[in-house]
Each structure stands twice: as structure tokens, then as C-alpha cells.
Amino acid sequence: MKTPKEKYMNDPSFHHLVNTLEQLIHQAEFTPSELREACVLASINYEMKHMRDHHIDPRLNEAFLVLDKFVESSQRRKR
């Protein structure tokens, strides 16, 4: 497995991503900690959005849809 430095030196897309992130830090738009947090959140969001499609039994996915409808109807009744 390549180190981040090796990826930076050999992968143009990774190189561009790193340079873009450095510019955001340099322009004082985000701190390094904020960028780390944003990257982790983006990864979590991506996994959560795609997890149902690839890892959950279709019957369980159907149960989630039924639960979502139930919650929505319960919220409408409270209004």
C-alpha cells in the first residue's frame, strides 16, 4: 500500500485533492481540524447512503421503509 506522500507524488487526482485542501487552509477558509472533520463526515455520509443498497437484506430494507412511513404518519398526526 502506498503512503500518502507516494500517492501525492504519483497520482494526479490525489495530488490535485491535496493541493486544493492546502489552498483552503492557506486562504483561511478552514482549519486543518475542520477539514479532517469534514472528510470524516463526508465518508460517513457516503457510507450511510450506500449501505442500504449493498449490505442490507432486502427484507430489512423493506422494514426500514415501513418504519419511515410510520414515523412520517405519526409526525403528521402530532401537528
Protein backbone atom coordinates (compact mmCIF):
# COMPACT_ATOMS: atom_id res chain seq x y z
CA MET A 1 0.00 0.00 0.00
CA LYS A 2 1.33 3.43 -0.93
CA THR A 3 1.92 6.09 1.66
CA PRO A 4 0.05 9.40 1.31
CA LYS A 5 3.30 11.00 0.13
CA GLU A 6 3.75 8.33 -2.56
CA LYS A 7 0.15 8.83 -3.68
CA TYR A 8 0.73 12.57 -3.81
CA MET A 9 3.80 12.11 -5.98
CA ASN A 10 2.28 9.51 -8.36
CA ASP A 11 -1.48 10.03 -8.53
CA PRO A 12 -2.58 13.25 -10.29
CA SER A 13 -6.08 13.16 -8.79
CA PHE A 14 -4.77 12.70 -5.26
CA HIS A 15 -2.17 15.41 -5.90
CA HIS A 16 -4.90 17.83 -7.01
CA LEU A 17 -7.05 16.99 -3.97
CA VAL A 18 -4.17 17.65 -1.57
CA ASN A 19 -3.34 20.94 -3.29
CA THR A 20 -6.98 22.04 -3.13
CA LEU A 21 -7.16 21.27 0.58
CA GLU A 22 -3.91 23.14 1.19
CA GLN A 23 -5.36 26.17 -0.59
CA LEU A 24 -8.46 26.10 1.64
CA ILE A 25 -6.17 26.16 4.67
CA HIS A 26 -3.97 28.88 3.18
CA GLN A 27 -6.98 31.07 2.36
CA ALA A 28 -8.07 30.70 5.99
CA GLU A 29 -11.36 29.19 4.92
CA PHE A 30 -10.93 26.09 7.09
CA THR A 31 -8.54 24.89 9.75
CA PRO A 32 -6.79 21.54 9.33
CA SER A 33 -9.07 20.12 12.05
CA GLU A 34 -12.19 21.32 10.24
CA LEU A 35 -11.00 19.71 7.01
CA ARG A 36 -10.34 16.41 8.80
CA GLU A 37 -13.81 16.56 10.38
CA ALA A 38 -15.42 17.38 7.02
CA CYS A 39 -13.62 14.47 5.32
CA VAL A 40 -14.71 12.04 8.01
CA LEU A 41 -18.31 13.29 7.85
CA ALA A 42 -18.34 13.04 4.06
CA SER A 43 -17.10 9.45 4.32
CA ILE A 44 -19.73 8.58 6.91
CA ASN A 45 -22.50 10.21 4.86
CA TYR A 46 -21.41 8.33 1.74
CA GLU A 47 -21.33 5.00 3.56
CA MET A 48 -24.74 5.58 5.14
CA LYS A 49 -26.32 6.49 1.81
CA HIS A 50 -24.89 3.46 0.03
CA MET A 51 -25.04 0.91 2.84
CA ARG A 52 -28.72 0.05 2.28
CA ASP A 53 -28.10 -0.74 -1.37
CA HIS A 54 -25.23 -3.14 -0.80
CA HIS A 55 -25.22 -4.63 2.67
CA ILE A 56 -28.75 -4.96 4.00
CA ASP A 57 -31.08 -7.85 3.31
CA PRO A 58 -33.93 -6.63 1.07
CA ARG A 59 -36.49 -7.68 3.70
CA LEU A 60 -34.79 -5.48 6.28
CA ASN A 61 -34.67 -2.61 3.80
CA GLU A 62 -38.45 -3.01 3.30
CA ALA A 63 -38.91 -2.94 7.08
CA PHE A 64 -36.98 0.36 7.20
CA LEU A 65 -39.30 1.81 4.55
CA VAL A 66 -42.37 0.74 6.54
CA LEU A 67 -40.86 2.27 9.68
CA ASP A 68 -40.12 5.52 7.82
CA LYS A 69 -43.77 5.71 6.67
CA PHE A 70 -44.97 5.01 10.21
CA VAL A 71 -42.79 7.76 11.67
CA GLU A 72 -43.95 10.22 9.00
CA SER A 73 -47.62 9.47 9.67
CA SER A 74 -47.07 9.78 13.44
CA GLN A 75 -45.44 13.17 12.97
CA ARG A 76 -48.34 14.37 10.78
CA ARG A 77 -50.86 13.38 13.45
CA LYS A 78 -48.97 15.41 16.10
CA ARG A 79 -49.35 18.59 14.04
